[in-house]
């Protein structure tokens, strides 16, 4: 099938991907725009995994003060080069992440940051809850594991649903920017301030 320049242009406008990536995606999906978008997402995710190994020591510290001046956030978002850190896309990502922190109040960047004693205490609570419901054996463990996953999605920034698009997590949002900008990106750390707390 011959892929028209108009179709490539349409996909590029919808996805933000490069011309050659759009052409390849359309060729692989017989010109179907919706399937091509999925193809680009999967390709971007696999690229993001490869780039995650690279060192990200540049970036910026972004501040956000919520209207009303009662909540403020400082977040460090890292990338590989100062050039990418100065791009509008990267700065918008950092602003989105700071707004996410203000709105969703995560406690940690990722689950690996949670102290083992906190994890053990949470899991013990869920195990006891399952036992109180009369559950036994493997069922208790499965219930506790399921509740732990929910806990991670609430307290870990990168596992939270993105406030501007509930269909994706912050991890997926960052993976899309990695695919778009071609560099590893990660959240270094953050502080959230709330008046009176």
N, C-alpha and C. Protein backbone atom coordinates (compact mmCIF):
# COMPACT_ATOMS: atom_id res chain seq x y z
N UNK A 1 0.83 -1.19 0.00
CA UNK A 1 0.00 0.00 0.00
C UNK A 1 0.88 1.26 0.00
N UNK A 2 0.51 2.22 -0.84
CA UNK A 2 1.24 3.48 -0.90
C UNK A 2 0.66 4.43 0.15
N UNK A 3 1.54 4.96 0.99
CA UNK A 3 1.11 5.87 2.06
C UNK A 3 1.28 7.30 1.58
N UNK A 4 0.19 8.04 1.57
CA UNK A 4 0.24 9.42 1.06
C UNK A 4 0.90 10.35 2.09
N UNK A 5 1.47 11.43 1.57
CA UNK A 5 2.11 12.44 2.43
C UNK A 5 1.06 13.07 3.34
N UNK A 6 -0.18 13.19 2.84
CA UNK A 6 -1.27 13.78 3.63
C UNK A 6 -1.59 12.93 4.86
N UNK A 7 -1.57 11.59 4.65
CA UNK A 7 -1.86 10.67 5.75
C UNK A 7 -0.73 10.72 6.79
N UNK A 8 0.51 10.80 6.32
CA UNK A 8 1.66 10.92 7.22
C UNK A 8 1.55 12.21 8.03
N UNK A 9 1.18 13.30 7.34
CA UNK A 9 1.03 14.60 8.00
C UNK A 9 -0.05 14.54 9.09
N UNK A 10 -1.18 13.90 8.77
CA UNK A 10 -2.28 13.78 9.73
C UNK A 10 -1.82 13.02 10.98
N UNK A 11 -1.14 11.88 10.77
CA UNK A 11 -0.66 11.08 11.91
C UNK A 11 0.37 11.86 12.72
N UNK A 12 1.21 12.61 12.03
CA UNK A 12 2.24 13.40 12.72
C UNK A 12 1.61 14.46 13.61
N UNK A 13 0.56 15.11 13.10
CA UNK A 13 -0.14 16.14 13.89
C UNK A 13 -0.84 15.52 15.10
N UNK A 14 -1.37 14.32 14.93
CA UNK A 14 -2.08 13.65 16.02
C UNK A 14 -1.14 13.09 17.08
N UNK A 15 0.03 12.61 16.65
CA UNK A 15 0.91 11.89 17.58
C UNK A 15 2.12 12.68 18.05
N UNK A 16 2.55 13.65 17.24
CA UNK A 16 3.77 14.39 17.58
C UNK A 16 5.04 13.62 17.24
N UNK A 17 4.90 12.44 16.61
CA UNK A 17 6.06 11.62 16.25
C UNK A 17 6.73 12.17 14.98
N UNK A 18 7.95 11.70 14.72
CA UNK A 18 8.69 12.13 13.54
C UNK A 18 8.09 11.60 12.25
N UNK A 19 8.44 12.23 11.13
CA UNK A 19 7.89 11.87 9.82
C UNK A 19 8.18 10.41 9.48
N UNK A 20 9.43 9.98 9.63
CA UNK A 20 9.79 8.60 9.26
C UNK A 20 9.10 7.58 10.18
N UNK A 21 8.97 7.91 11.47
CA UNK A 21 8.26 7.02 12.40
C UNK A 21 6.79 6.90 11.99
N UNK A 22 6.18 8.01 11.60
CA UNK A 22 4.77 8.00 11.18
C UNK A 22 4.60 7.17 9.90
N UNK A 23 5.53 7.36 8.96
CA UNK A 23 5.45 6.61 7.69
C UNK A 23 5.57 5.11 7.97
N UNK A 24 6.54 4.74 8.81
CA UNK A 24 6.74 3.33 9.15
C UNK A 24 5.50 2.76 9.84
N UNK A 25 4.94 3.53 10.78
CA UNK A 25 3.74 3.07 11.51
C UNK A 25 2.58 2.84 10.56
N UNK A 26 2.39 3.74 9.62
CA UNK A 26 1.28 3.60 8.65
C UNK A 26 1.51 2.42 7.70
N UNK A 27 2.76 2.21 7.31
CA UNK A 27 3.08 1.06 6.45
C UNK A 27 2.81 -0.25 7.19
N UNK A 28 3.19 -0.29 8.48
CA UNK A 28 3.00 -1.50 9.29
C UNK A 28 1.53 -1.79 9.58
N UNK A 29 0.70 -0.75 9.54
CA UNK A 29 -0.72 -0.91 9.92
C UNK A 29 -1.66 -0.70 8.73
N UNK A 30 -1.14 -0.81 7.51
CA UNK A 30 -1.93 -0.68 6.28
C UNK A 30 -2.72 0.63 6.22
N UNK A 31 -2.12 1.70 6.72
CA UNK A 31 -2.73 3.02 6.60
C UNK A 31 -3.82 3.33 7.62
N UNK A 32 -4.01 2.47 8.62
CA UNK A 32 -5.04 2.70 9.64
C UNK A 32 -4.48 3.63 10.72
N UNK A 33 -5.05 4.84 10.81
CA UNK A 33 -4.54 5.86 11.73
C UNK A 33 -4.58 5.40 13.19
N UNK A 34 -5.73 4.84 13.62
CA UNK A 34 -5.88 4.43 15.03
C UNK A 34 -4.86 3.36 15.41
N UNK A 35 -4.70 2.36 14.54
CA UNK A 35 -3.74 1.29 14.80
C UNK A 35 -2.32 1.83 14.76
N UNK A 36 -2.08 2.79 13.87
CA UNK A 36 -0.75 3.40 13.75
C UNK A 36 -0.38 4.16 15.03
N UNK A 37 -1.38 4.81 15.64
CA UNK A 37 -1.13 5.52 16.91
C UNK A 37 -0.72 4.53 17.99
N UNK A 38 -1.44 3.39 18.06
CA UNK A 38 -1.08 2.34 19.03
C UNK A 38 0.32 1.82 18.76
N UNK A 39 0.64 1.63 17.47
CA UNK A 39 1.97 1.15 17.07
C UNK A 39 3.05 2.12 17.55
N UNK A 40 2.81 3.43 17.35
CA UNK A 40 3.78 4.44 17.79
C UNK A 40 3.94 4.45 19.30
N UNK A 41 2.83 4.27 20.03
CA UNK A 41 2.89 4.23 21.50
C UNK A 41 3.75 3.07 21.97
N UNK A 42 3.52 1.88 21.37
CA UNK A 42 4.29 0.70 21.77
C UNK A 42 5.77 0.90 21.44
N UNK A 43 6.04 1.46 20.28
CA UNK A 43 7.43 1.69 19.88
C UNK A 43 8.08 2.70 20.82
N UNK A 44 7.33 3.74 21.17
CA UNK A 44 7.83 4.76 22.11
C UNK A 44 8.12 4.17 23.47
N UNK A 45 7.24 3.27 23.93
CA UNK A 45 7.43 2.64 25.24
C UNK A 45 8.69 1.78 25.25
N UNK A 46 8.93 1.04 24.15
CA UNK A 46 10.13 0.19 24.10
C UNK A 46 11.40 1.04 24.02
N UNK A 47 11.31 2.16 23.30
CA UNK A 47 12.46 3.09 23.26
C UNK A 47 12.72 3.65 24.64
N UNK A 48 11.65 3.97 25.36
CA UNK A 48 11.77 4.55 26.70
C UNK A 48 12.49 3.59 27.64
N UNK A 49 12.17 2.29 27.52
CA UNK A 49 12.81 1.28 28.37
C UNK A 49 14.32 1.27 28.12
N UNK A 50 14.72 1.34 26.84
CA UNK A 50 16.15 1.34 26.50
C UNK A 50 16.84 2.60 27.03
N UNK A 51 16.15 3.73 26.93
CA UNK A 51 16.76 5.00 27.35
C UNK A 51 16.83 5.13 28.87
N UNK A 52 16.01 4.37 29.58
CA UNK A 52 15.97 4.46 31.05
C UNK A 52 17.29 4.08 31.70
N UNK A 53 18.16 3.38 30.96
CA UNK A 53 19.46 2.99 31.50
C UNK A 53 20.46 4.15 31.50
N UNK A 54 20.18 5.16 30.67
CA UNK A 54 21.14 6.25 30.50
C UNK A 54 21.06 7.25 31.66
N UNK A 55 22.19 7.88 31.96
CA UNK A 55 22.28 8.83 33.06
C UNK A 55 21.54 10.12 32.73
N UNK A 56 20.73 10.57 33.68
CA UNK A 56 20.00 11.83 33.52
C UNK A 56 20.38 12.74 34.68
N UNK A 57 21.40 13.60 34.43
CA UNK A 57 21.89 14.45 35.52
C UNK A 57 21.68 15.94 35.24
N UNK A 58 21.11 16.26 34.07
CA UNK A 58 20.74 17.66 33.78
C UNK A 58 19.25 17.81 34.11
N UNK A 59 18.66 18.90 33.74
CA UNK A 59 17.24 19.09 33.98
C UNK A 59 16.96 20.43 34.62
N UNK A 60 15.90 20.46 35.45
CA UNK A 60 15.54 21.71 36.09
C UNK A 60 14.75 21.46 37.37
N UNK A 61 14.67 22.49 38.17
CA UNK A 61 13.81 22.46 39.35
C UNK A 61 12.63 23.37 39.02
N UNK A 62 11.45 22.81 39.11
CA UNK A 62 10.23 23.53 38.75
C UNK A 62 9.46 23.84 40.03
N UNK A 63 8.90 25.05 40.10
CA UNK A 63 8.07 25.40 41.25
C UNK A 63 6.64 25.63 40.77
N UNK A 64 5.71 25.34 41.65
CA UNK A 64 4.31 25.57 41.34
C UNK A 64 3.60 26.00 42.62
N UNK A 65 2.89 27.10 42.54
CA UNK A 65 2.07 27.57 43.66
C UNK A 65 0.62 27.49 43.20
N UNK A 66 -0.17 26.70 43.92
CA UNK A 66 -1.57 26.51 43.56
C UNK A 66 -2.35 27.81 43.82
N UNK A 67 -3.33 28.14 42.95
CA UNK A 67 -4.13 29.35 43.20
C UNK A 67 -4.69 29.36 44.62
N UNK A 68 -4.56 30.51 45.28
CA UNK A 68 -4.96 30.62 46.68
C UNK A 68 -3.75 30.62 47.60
N UNK A 69 -2.58 30.27 47.04
CA UNK A 69 -1.31 30.31 47.77
C UNK A 69 -1.28 29.46 49.03
N UNK A 70 -1.98 28.33 49.04
CA UNK A 70 -1.99 27.45 50.22
C UNK A 70 -1.22 26.16 49.99
N UNK A 71 -0.92 25.85 48.72
CA UNK A 71 -0.13 24.65 48.38
C UNK A 71 0.97 25.06 47.42
N UNK A 72 2.20 24.62 47.70
CA UNK A 72 3.33 24.89 46.82
C UNK A 72 4.16 23.63 46.63
N UNK A 73 4.79 23.53 45.46
CA UNK A 73 5.59 22.34 45.12
C UNK A 73 6.92 22.77 44.51
N UNK A 74 7.98 22.06 44.89
CA UNK A 74 9.26 22.13 44.20
C UNK A 74 9.56 20.72 43.72
N UNK A 75 9.89 20.56 42.45
CA UNK A 75 10.20 19.23 41.92
C UNK A 75 11.44 19.30 41.03
N UNK A 76 12.30 18.31 41.17
CA UNK A 76 13.48 18.18 40.31
C UNK A 76 13.15 17.15 39.24
N UNK A 77 13.20 17.58 37.96
CA UNK A 77 12.97 16.68 36.84
C UNK A 77 14.27 16.65 36.04
N UNK A 78 14.79 15.44 35.83
CA UNK A 78 16.10 15.29 35.18
C UNK A 78 15.99 14.77 33.76
N UNK A 79 16.95 15.19 32.94
CA UNK A 79 17.12 14.67 31.58
C UNK A 79 18.63 14.55 31.34
N UNK A 80 19.02 14.23 30.11
CA UNK A 80 20.44 13.98 29.84
C UNK A 80 21.23 15.22 29.48
N UNK A 81 20.57 16.20 28.83
CA UNK A 81 21.31 17.38 28.37
C UNK A 81 20.59 18.67 28.73
N UNK A 82 21.38 19.73 28.86
CA UNK A 82 20.83 21.05 29.13
C UNK A 82 19.97 21.52 27.95
N UNK A 83 20.32 21.08 26.74
CA UNK A 83 19.56 21.45 25.54
C UNK A 83 18.09 21.02 25.68
N UNK A 84 17.86 19.76 26.07
CA UNK A 84 16.49 19.26 26.24
C UNK A 84 15.82 19.96 27.42
N UNK A 85 16.57 20.22 28.49
CA UNK A 85 15.99 20.88 29.66
C UNK A 85 15.41 22.25 29.32
N UNK A 86 15.96 22.89 28.27
CA UNK A 86 15.48 24.22 27.89
C UNK A 86 14.31 24.18 26.92
N UNK A 87 13.93 22.99 26.44
CA UNK A 87 12.83 22.91 25.48
C UNK A 87 11.49 23.14 26.16
N UNK A 88 10.55 23.66 25.38
CA UNK A 88 9.21 23.93 25.91
C UNK A 88 8.52 22.64 26.35
N UNK A 89 8.72 21.54 25.57
CA UNK A 89 8.07 20.26 25.91
C UNK A 89 8.52 19.76 27.28
N UNK A 90 9.82 19.86 27.56
CA UNK A 90 10.35 19.39 28.83
C UNK A 90 9.83 20.27 29.98
N UNK A 91 9.83 21.57 29.75
CA UNK A 91 9.36 22.48 30.80
C UNK A 91 7.88 22.29 31.10
N UNK A 92 7.09 22.03 30.05
CA UNK A 92 5.66 21.75 30.26
C UNK A 92 5.47 20.45 31.04
N UNK A 93 6.30 19.45 30.74
CA UNK A 93 6.24 18.19 31.48
C UNK A 93 6.53 18.45 32.96
N UNK A 94 7.57 19.22 33.25
CA UNK A 94 7.92 19.52 34.64
C UNK A 94 6.77 20.25 35.33
N UNK A 95 6.12 21.17 34.61
CA UNK A 95 4.97 21.90 35.18
C UNK A 95 3.82 20.95 35.45
N UNK A 96 3.55 20.04 34.50
CA UNK A 96 2.47 19.05 34.71
C UNK A 96 2.75 18.18 35.93
N UNK A 97 4.01 17.77 36.08
CA UNK A 97 4.38 16.92 37.21
C UNK A 97 4.22 17.70 38.52
N UNK A 98 4.61 18.97 38.53
CA UNK A 98 4.47 19.76 39.76
C UNK A 98 3.00 19.97 40.11
N UNK A 99 2.15 20.16 39.11
CA UNK A 99 0.70 20.28 39.36
C UNK A 99 0.12 18.96 39.87
N UNK A 100 0.62 17.86 39.34
CA UNK A 100 0.20 16.53 39.79
C UNK A 100 0.50 16.36 41.29
N UNK A 101 1.69 16.76 41.68
CA UNK A 101 2.09 16.64 43.09
C UNK A 101 1.20 17.50 43.98
N UNK A 102 0.91 18.72 43.52
CA UNK A 102 0.04 19.61 44.29
C UNK A 102 -1.35 19.00 44.46
N UNK A 103 -1.88 18.44 43.38
CA UNK A 103 -3.26 17.93 43.41
C UNK A 103 -3.38 16.57 44.10
N UNK A 104 -2.41 15.68 43.89
CA UNK A 104 -2.57 14.28 44.33
C UNK A 104 -1.77 13.91 45.58
N UNK A 105 -0.92 14.80 46.04
CA UNK A 105 -0.18 14.61 47.29
C UNK A 105 0.50 13.24 47.42
N UNK A 106 1.36 12.86 46.45
CA UNK A 106 2.09 11.60 46.62
C UNK A 106 3.10 11.72 47.75
N UNK A 107 3.50 10.58 48.29
CA UNK A 107 4.48 10.58 49.37
C UNK A 107 5.88 10.23 48.88
N UNK A 108 5.95 9.49 47.76
CA UNK A 108 7.23 9.00 47.23
C UNK A 108 7.23 9.17 45.71
N UNK A 109 8.43 9.18 45.11
CA UNK A 109 8.53 9.22 43.65
C UNK A 109 8.13 7.86 43.08
N UNK A 110 8.73 6.78 43.59
CA UNK A 110 8.46 5.43 43.08
C UNK A 110 8.42 4.45 44.25
N UNK A 111 7.90 3.24 43.99
CA UNK A 111 7.72 2.28 45.08
C UNK A 111 9.04 1.87 45.73
N UNK A 112 10.13 1.91 44.98
CA UNK A 112 11.43 1.55 45.54
C UNK A 112 11.89 2.53 46.63
N UNK A 113 11.27 3.72 46.67
CA UNK A 113 11.63 4.73 47.66
C UNK A 113 10.93 4.51 49.01
N UNK A 114 9.93 3.62 49.04
CA UNK A 114 9.18 3.40 50.28
C UNK A 114 10.01 2.56 51.23
N UNK A 115 10.19 3.02 52.47
CA UNK A 115 10.96 2.22 53.44
C UNK A 115 10.32 0.85 53.66
N UNK A 116 11.13 -0.22 53.78
CA UNK A 116 10.59 -1.57 53.96
C UNK A 116 9.63 -1.69 55.14
N UNK A 117 9.90 -0.95 56.22
CA UNK A 117 9.01 -1.06 57.39
C UNK A 117 7.61 -0.51 57.08
N UNK A 118 7.52 0.49 56.21
CA UNK A 118 6.21 1.03 55.82
C UNK A 118 5.46 0.00 54.98
N UNK A 119 6.17 -0.63 54.04
CA UNK A 119 5.55 -1.67 53.20
C UNK A 119 5.06 -2.82 54.07
N UNK A 120 5.91 -3.28 54.99
CA UNK A 120 5.54 -4.41 55.85
C UNK A 120 4.32 -4.09 56.71
N UNK A 121 4.27 -2.86 57.23
CA UNK A 121 3.15 -2.45 58.08
C UNK A 121 1.84 -2.42 57.26
N UNK A 122 1.91 -1.83 56.04
CA UNK A 122 0.72 -1.76 55.18
C UNK A 122 0.22 -3.17 54.83
N UNK A 123 1.17 -4.04 54.44
CA UNK A 123 0.79 -5.40 54.04
C UNK A 123 0.17 -6.15 55.22
N UNK A 124 0.72 -5.95 56.40
CA UNK A 124 0.19 -6.61 57.60
C UNK A 124 -1.27 -6.17 57.85
N UNK A 125 -1.54 -4.88 57.65
CA UNK A 125 -2.91 -4.37 57.81
C UNK A 125 -3.85 -5.08 56.83
N UNK A 126 -3.42 -5.20 55.57
CA UNK A 126 -4.27 -5.82 54.54
C UNK A 126 -4.47 -7.32 54.81
N UNK A 127 -3.43 -7.98 55.30
CA UNK A 127 -3.55 -9.41 55.64
C UNK A 127 -4.57 -9.59 56.76
N UNK A 128 -4.48 -8.74 57.78
CA UNK A 128 -5.42 -8.82 58.91
C UNK A 128 -6.86 -8.54 58.47
N UNK A 129 -7.01 -7.57 57.56
CA UNK A 129 -8.36 -7.27 57.03
C UNK A 129 -8.94 -8.48 56.32
N UNK A 130 -8.11 -9.17 55.51
CA UNK A 130 -8.57 -10.35 54.78
C UNK A 130 -8.94 -11.48 55.74
N UNK A 131 -8.14 -11.64 56.79
CA UNK A 131 -8.45 -12.68 57.79
C UNK A 131 -9.77 -12.38 58.49
N UNK A 132 -10.02 -11.10 58.79
CA UNK A 132 -11.27 -10.71 59.44
C UNK A 132 -12.48 -11.00 58.56
N UNK A 133 -12.25 -11.01 57.25
CA UNK A 133 -13.34 -11.33 56.30
C UNK A 133 -13.53 -12.84 56.16
N UNK A 134 -12.70 -13.62 56.90
CA UNK A 134 -12.82 -15.07 56.86
C UNK A 134 -12.07 -15.74 55.73
N UNK A 135 -11.18 -15.00 55.06
CA UNK A 135 -10.39 -15.56 53.95
C UNK A 135 -9.26 -16.42 54.52
N UNK A 136 -8.81 -17.39 53.72
CA UNK A 136 -7.73 -18.27 54.16
C UNK A 136 -6.72 -18.51 53.04
N UNK A 137 -5.56 -19.05 53.42
CA UNK A 137 -4.53 -19.50 52.46
C UNK A 137 -4.08 -18.45 51.47
N UNK A 138 -4.00 -18.89 50.20
CA UNK A 138 -3.50 -18.03 49.11
C UNK A 138 -4.39 -16.82 48.87
N UNK A 139 -5.67 -16.94 49.19
CA UNK A 139 -6.62 -15.84 48.96
C UNK A 139 -6.20 -14.60 49.76
N UNK A 140 -5.74 -14.84 51.00
CA UNK A 140 -5.28 -13.72 51.85
C UNK A 140 -4.14 -12.98 51.16
N UNK A 141 -3.18 -13.74 50.66
CA UNK A 141 -2.00 -13.14 50.00
C UNK A 141 -2.41 -12.36 48.74
N UNK A 142 -3.34 -12.94 47.96
CA UNK A 142 -3.79 -12.26 46.73
C UNK A 142 -4.52 -10.96 47.05
N UNK A 143 -5.36 -10.99 48.07
CA UNK A 143 -6.08 -9.78 48.48
C UNK A 143 -5.08 -8.72 48.95
N UNK A 144 -4.13 -9.12 49.79
CA UNK A 144 -3.11 -8.18 50.31
C UNK A 144 -2.29 -7.60 49.16
N UNK A 145 -1.89 -8.44 48.19
CA UNK A 145 -1.10 -7.96 47.04
C UNK A 145 -1.90 -6.96 46.22
N UNK A 146 -3.18 -7.26 46.00
CA UNK A 146 -4.05 -6.34 45.24
C UNK A 146 -4.17 -4.99 45.94
N UNK A 147 -4.34 -5.02 47.26
CA UNK A 147 -4.46 -3.77 48.02
C UNK A 147 -3.13 -3.02 48.05
N UNK A 148 -2.01 -3.74 48.03
CA UNK A 148 -0.71 -3.08 47.97
C UNK A 148 -0.54 -2.34 46.64
N UNK A 149 -0.98 -2.96 45.55
CA UNK A 149 -0.89 -2.29 44.24
C UNK A 149 -1.70 -0.99 44.25
N UNK A 150 -2.87 -1.03 44.85
CA UNK A 150 -3.70 0.17 44.96
C UNK A 150 -2.99 1.22 45.82
N UNK A 151 -2.37 0.77 46.90
CA UNK A 151 -1.61 1.67 47.78
C UNK A 151 -0.49 2.36 46.99
N UNK A 152 0.27 1.58 46.21
CA UNK A 152 1.35 2.15 45.39
C UNK A 152 0.81 3.20 44.43
N UNK A 153 -0.35 2.93 43.83
CA UNK A 153 -0.91 3.86 42.84
C UNK A 153 -1.40 5.15 43.50
N UNK A 154 -1.56 5.14 44.81
CA UNK A 154 -1.98 6.34 45.53
C UNK A 154 -0.79 7.14 46.06
N UNK A 155 0.24 6.46 46.58
CA UNK A 155 1.33 7.17 47.26
C UNK A 155 2.59 7.38 46.41
N UNK A 156 2.70 6.69 45.26
CA UNK A 156 3.88 6.82 44.40
C UNK A 156 3.55 7.70 43.20
N UNK A 157 4.25 8.79 43.07
CA UNK A 157 4.00 9.76 42.00
C UNK A 157 3.90 9.11 40.63
N UNK A 158 4.91 8.31 40.25
CA UNK A 158 4.92 7.80 38.87
C UNK A 158 3.86 6.74 38.61
N UNK A 159 3.21 6.23 39.66
CA UNK A 159 2.15 5.23 39.47
C UNK A 159 0.76 5.85 39.55
N UNK A 160 0.69 7.15 39.85
CA UNK A 160 -0.61 7.81 39.92
C UNK A 160 -1.18 8.05 38.53
N UNK A 161 -2.51 8.08 38.43
CA UNK A 161 -3.15 8.49 37.17
C UNK A 161 -2.90 9.98 36.98
N UNK A 162 -2.58 10.36 35.77
CA UNK A 162 -2.28 11.75 35.43
C UNK A 162 -3.56 12.58 35.56
N UNK A 163 -3.50 13.68 36.29
CA UNK A 163 -4.71 14.48 36.55
C UNK A 163 -5.34 15.05 35.27
N UNK A 164 -4.54 15.24 34.22
CA UNK A 164 -5.08 15.80 32.97
C UNK A 164 -5.58 14.72 32.02
N UNK A 165 -5.20 13.46 32.27
CA UNK A 165 -5.63 12.34 31.42
C UNK A 165 -5.61 11.07 32.27
N UNK A 166 -6.75 10.73 32.85
CA UNK A 166 -6.85 9.62 33.79
C UNK A 166 -6.54 8.25 33.15
N UNK A 167 -6.46 8.21 31.81
CA UNK A 167 -6.17 6.94 31.13
C UNK A 167 -4.70 6.56 31.17
N UNK A 168 -3.85 7.50 31.56
CA UNK A 168 -2.41 7.20 31.62
C UNK A 168 -1.86 7.53 33.00
N UNK A 169 -0.75 6.88 33.34
CA UNK A 169 -0.07 7.18 34.60
C UNK A 169 1.04 8.20 34.33
N UNK A 170 1.61 8.72 35.39
CA UNK A 170 2.74 9.64 35.25
C UNK A 170 3.91 8.91 34.59
N UNK A 171 4.09 7.62 34.91
CA UNK A 171 5.15 6.83 34.26
C UNK A 171 4.95 6.82 32.74
N UNK A 172 3.70 6.63 32.29
CA UNK A 172 3.42 6.61 30.85
C UNK A 172 3.59 7.99 30.22
N UNK A 173 3.22 9.02 30.95
CA UNK A 173 3.41 10.39 30.47
C UNK A 173 4.89 10.66 30.25
N UNK A 174 5.72 10.26 31.21
CA UNK A 174 7.17 10.45 31.08
C UNK A 174 7.72 9.61 29.92
N UNK A 175 7.22 8.38 29.77
CA UNK A 175 7.69 7.51 28.67
C UNK A 175 7.39 8.15 27.32
N UNK A 176 6.24 8.80 27.20
CA UNK A 176 5.91 9.48 25.93
C UNK A 176 6.88 10.62 25.67
N UNK A 177 7.24 11.36 26.70
CA UNK A 177 8.19 12.47 26.52
C UNK A 177 9.58 11.95 26.19
N UNK A 178 9.95 10.79 26.77
CA UNK A 178 11.24 10.18 26.44
C UNK A 178 11.28 9.85 24.95
N UNK A 179 10.18 9.26 24.45
CA UNK A 179 10.10 8.91 23.03
C UNK A 179 10.14 10.16 22.16
N UNK A 180 9.48 11.21 22.61
CA UNK A 180 9.39 12.44 21.84
C UNK A 180 10.71 13.21 21.82
N UNK A 181 11.38 13.30 22.98
CA UNK A 181 12.58 14.12 23.10
C UNK A 181 13.88 13.33 22.91
N UNK A 182 13.79 12.00 22.97
CA UNK A 182 14.97 11.17 22.68
C UNK A 182 15.98 11.08 23.80
N UNK A 183 15.57 11.44 25.02
CA UNK A 183 16.48 11.35 26.17
C UNK A 183 15.78 10.70 27.34
N UNK A 184 16.59 10.10 28.22
CA UNK A 184 16.03 9.58 29.47
C UNK A 184 15.54 10.75 30.32
N UNK A 185 14.38 10.58 30.93
CA UNK A 185 13.79 11.60 31.81
C UNK A 185 13.34 10.90 33.08
N UNK A 186 13.60 11.53 34.21
CA UNK A 186 13.12 10.95 35.47
C UNK A 186 12.85 12.06 36.48
N UNK A 187 12.03 11.74 37.46
CA UNK A 187 11.78 12.68 38.54
C UNK A 187 12.81 12.38 39.62
N UNK A 188 13.61 13.38 39.99
CA UNK A 188 14.64 13.18 41.00
C UNK A 188 14.06 13.17 42.40
N UNK A 189 13.36 14.24 42.76
CA UNK A 189 12.78 14.37 44.11
C UNK A 189 11.78 15.52 44.08
N UNK A 190 11.01 15.61 45.15
CA UNK A 190 10.05 16.71 45.24
C UNK A 190 9.76 17.03 46.70
N UNK A 191 9.25 18.25 46.91
CA UNK A 191 8.74 18.67 48.21
C UNK A 191 7.41 19.35 47.97
N UNK A 192 6.44 19.00 48.78
CA UNK A 192 5.10 19.61 48.68
C UNK A 192 4.83 20.31 50.01
N UNK A 193 4.45 21.56 49.92
CA UNK A 193 4.17 22.36 51.11
C UNK A 193 2.69 22.70 51.13
N UNK A 194 2.07 22.51 52.27
CA UNK A 194 0.67 22.88 52.44
C UNK A 194 0.55 23.73 53.69
N UNK A 195 -0.09 24.88 53.55
CA UNK A 195 -0.22 25.80 54.66
C UNK A 195 -0.80 25.12 55.89
N UNK A 196 -0.12 25.26 57.02
CA UNK A 196 -0.62 24.72 58.28
C UNK A 196 -0.33 23.25 58.51
N UNK A 197 0.39 22.59 57.56
CA UNK A 197 0.69 21.16 57.73
C UNK A 197 2.18 20.93 57.75
